[in-house]
Protein backbone atom coordinates (compact mmCIF):
# COMPACT_ATOMS: atom_id res chain seq x y z
CA MET A 1 -3.39 14.80 30.09
CA THR A 2 -2.52 14.58 26.46
CA THR A 3 -2.26 11.43 24.40
CA ILE A 4 -0.01 11.34 21.29
CA THR A 5 -0.20 8.29 18.87
CA ALA A 6 2.71 7.62 16.56
CA THR A 7 3.01 4.86 13.94
CA LEU A 8 6.60 3.64 13.73
CA HIS A 9 7.63 1.17 11.05
CA ASN A 10 11.28 0.68 12.07
CA ASN A 11 12.24 -1.20 15.20
CA LYS A 12 15.31 1.28 15.58
CA ASP A 13 12.90 4.17 15.77
CA VAL A 14 10.92 2.52 18.44
CA LYS A 15 13.97 1.93 20.57
CA LEU A 16 15.15 5.61 20.04
CA LEU A 17 11.77 6.97 20.99
CA GLN A 18 11.61 4.78 24.08
CA GLU A 19 14.95 6.22 25.17
CA VAL A 20 13.84 9.73 24.77
CA LEU A 21 10.57 9.11 26.60
CA ASN A 22 12.29 7.39 29.39
CA ARG A 23 14.79 10.37 29.80
CA PHE A 24 11.97 12.82 30.09
CA GLY A 25 10.18 10.55 32.59
CA ILE A 26 7.11 10.31 30.19
CA ALA A 27 4.78 7.11 30.69
CA TYR A 28 4.01 5.30 27.43
CA THR A 29 2.47 2.08 26.23
CA ILE A 30 3.49 0.20 23.12
CA ASN A 31 0.97 -1.56 20.93
CA GLU A 32 2.40 -3.72 18.21
CA ASP A 33 0.25 -4.56 15.11
CA THR A 34 -0.07 -8.29 15.34
CA ASN A 35 -1.19 -8.42 11.76
CA GLU A 36 2.27 -7.67 10.48
CA TYR A 37 4.51 -10.45 9.54
CA PRO A 38 7.54 -10.82 11.83
CA PHE A 39 10.04 -11.26 9.04
CA THR A 40 13.20 -9.19 8.66
CA GLU A 41 14.12 -7.56 5.31
CA ALA A 42 16.84 -10.13 4.95
CA GLU A 43 14.26 -13.03 5.47
CA LEU A 44 11.94 -11.41 3.01
CA LYS A 45 14.73 -11.06 0.41
CA SER A 46 15.70 -14.66 0.99
CA PHE A 47 12.11 -15.80 0.32
CA ARG A 48 11.93 -13.68 -2.83
CA ASP A 49 15.22 -15.08 -4.10
CA THR A 50 14.12 -18.63 -3.42
CA GLN A 51 10.77 -18.03 -5.30
CA LYS A 52 12.58 -16.76 -8.19
CA ALA A 53 15.06 -19.60 -8.19
CA PHE A 54 12.21 -22.02 -8.09
CA LYS A 55 10.31 -20.46 -10.87
CA GLU A 56 13.54 -20.50 -13.01
CA GLY A 57 13.85 -24.19 -12.26
CA LYS A 58 17.17 -23.86 -10.41
CA ILE A 59 15.79 -25.49 -7.21
CA ILE A 60 13.00 -27.82 -6.18
CA ALA A 61 10.32 -27.14 -3.63
CA LYS A 62 10.98 -27.36 0.12
CA ASP A 63 10.05 -30.36 2.12
CA TRP A 64 6.80 -29.83 4.15
CA SER A 65 8.77 -30.35 7.31
CA GLU A 66 10.99 -27.34 6.46
CA ILE A 67 7.97 -25.20 5.59
CA GLN A 68 6.26 -26.14 8.85
CA LYS A 69 9.42 -25.07 10.88
CA ASP A 70 9.47 -21.74 9.07
CA LEU A 71 5.70 -21.21 9.94
CA ASP A 72 6.10 -22.31 13.48
CA ARG A 73 8.88 -19.86 14.07
CA ALA A 74 7.14 -17.06 12.41
CA PHE A 75 3.84 -17.46 14.18
CA HIS A 76 4.65 -18.92 17.54
């Protein structure tokens, strides 16, 4: 038996590798790093844009209830 460990940073790569392994009948396990934030690139860009707009005085801070919804969605 041989074990190969690969670190993939893109969900598309994970799906592609799963397809290949399945086609060859190779058993595998997936371990996801739970320390990484589950935000998409679009969400991160939105957060950065909002932060910039806030610092430039173009918008005001979010209401706590909105922040709590974002945190609940991200970590639950």
